[in-house]
Amino acid sequence: MERLARLQPGFLGVETARGADGVGITVSYWASVADARAWKRVARHVEVQRRGRAEWYDAYRVRIATVEREYGHERAESAAREPMTEAAPIRPEH
């Protein structure tokens, strides 16, 4: 799905994390609410969502949120060992 999402207008990026137990989170970033809604209606995405509910997931939760800013810290030696996931670009505040 990520490859397909990357082709959609307004796609900014995606981050995924999974625990050893298989439980995880995937966050996708979109330029606008309209772009995110359009992605939700892409036929292949709709088909995979249906399969997910029928075959893979007992439960899931969707949250829609706005990122106001992002910041962090990364020690130089740890950056060489374990690079952080590339985050979606965030537009500068005006």
Protein backbone atom coordinates (compact mmCIF):
# COMPACT_ATOMS: atom_id res chain seq x y z
CA MET A 1 0.00 0.00 0.00
CA GLU A 2 2.86 2.39 0.69
CA ARG A 3 3.96 2.30 -2.96
CA LEU A 4 0.42 3.14 -4.05
CA ALA A 5 0.07 5.86 -1.40
CA ARG A 6 3.29 7.50 -2.61
CA LEU A 7 1.66 7.99 -6.03
CA GLN A 8 -1.31 9.87 -4.59
CA PRO A 9 -1.55 13.68 -4.61
CA GLY A 10 -0.65 15.20 -1.26
CA PHE A 11 1.22 12.18 0.14
CA LEU A 12 4.04 13.39 2.41
CA GLY A 13 5.37 10.22 4.05
CA VAL A 14 4.75 7.20 6.25
CA GLU A 15 6.21 5.78 9.48
CA THR A 16 5.69 2.25 10.81
CA ALA A 17 6.73 0.51 14.03
CA ARG A 18 6.02 -3.09 15.12
CA GLY A 19 6.74 -4.88 18.37
CA ALA A 20 8.00 -8.45 18.65
CA ASP A 21 4.38 -9.47 19.30
CA GLY A 22 3.33 -8.08 15.91
CA VAL A 23 1.35 -5.20 17.38
CA GLY A 24 2.20 -1.98 15.62
CA ILE A 25 1.31 1.42 14.34
CA THR A 26 1.47 2.99 10.91
CA VAL A 27 1.16 6.74 10.48
CA SER A 28 0.69 8.35 7.08
CA TYR A 29 1.12 12.06 6.48
CA TRP A 30 -0.90 14.07 3.96
CA ALA A 31 -0.74 17.68 2.81
CA SER A 32 -4.44 18.23 3.52
CA VAL A 33 -7.51 16.58 4.96
CA ALA A 34 -8.91 16.43 1.42
CA ASP A 35 -5.82 14.47 0.26
CA ALA A 36 -6.21 11.99 3.14
CA ARG A 37 -9.91 11.55 2.34
CA ALA A 38 -9.11 10.96 -1.34
CA TRP A 39 -6.63 8.22 -0.33
CA LYS A 40 -9.34 6.55 1.75
CA ARG A 41 -11.46 6.28 -1.44
CA VAL A 42 -8.77 4.79 -3.75
CA ALA A 43 -10.26 1.48 -4.97
CA ARG A 44 -7.22 -0.71 -4.21
CA HIS A 45 -6.93 0.81 -0.73
CA VAL A 46 -10.65 0.16 -0.09
CA GLU A 47 -10.14 -3.48 -1.17
CA VAL A 48 -7.17 -3.97 1.17
CA GLN A 49 -9.07 -2.37 4.05
CA ARG A 50 -11.92 -4.83 3.49
CA ARG A 51 -9.49 -7.77 3.44
CA GLY A 52 -7.81 -6.49 6.58
CA ARG A 53 -11.10 -6.41 8.48
CA ALA A 54 -12.10 -9.84 7.17
CA GLU A 55 -8.78 -11.71 7.43
CA TRP A 56 -6.11 -10.00 9.53
CA TYR A 57 -7.42 -7.65 12.20
CA ASP A 58 -9.60 -8.45 15.18
CA ALA A 59 -9.72 -4.72 15.88
CA TYR A 60 -8.06 -1.51 14.77
CA ARG A 61 -8.33 2.21 15.44
CA VAL A 62 -7.88 5.19 13.11
CA ARG A 63 -6.92 8.62 14.41
CA ILE A 64 -6.92 11.77 12.32
CA ALA A 65 -4.60 14.44 13.67
CA THR A 66 -2.65 17.53 12.64
CA VAL A 67 1.07 17.81 13.28
CA GLU A 68 1.83 21.34 14.44
CA ARG A 69 5.59 20.87 14.79
CA GLU A 70 8.24 18.21 15.16
CA TYR A 71 11.51 18.23 17.04
CA GLY A 72 13.96 15.77 18.49
CA HIS A 73 17.54 14.95 19.39
CA GLU A 74 19.89 12.33 18.07
CA ARG A 75 23.34 11.62 19.51
CA ALA A 76 25.97 11.40 16.73
CA GLU A 77 27.22 7.94 17.76
CA SER A 78 23.71 6.50 18.00
CA ALA A 79 22.83 7.98 14.61
CA ALA A 80 25.60 5.92 13.05
CA ARG A 81 24.26 2.71 14.68
CA GLU A 82 20.50 3.14 14.43
CA PRO A 83 19.22 5.81 12.03
CA MET A 84 15.86 7.30 12.94
CA THR A 85 12.94 6.65 10.63
CA GLU A 86 12.67 9.36 8.04
CA ALA A 87 9.71 11.48 9.02
CA ALA A 88 7.40 13.28 6.67
CA PRO A 89 8.44 16.83 5.88
CA ILE A 90 6.62 19.38 7.99
CA ARG A 91 5.86 22.80 6.59
CA PRO A 92 7.48 25.66 8.55
CA GLU A 93 5.25 27.72 10.82
CA HIS A 94 4.19 31.11 9.44
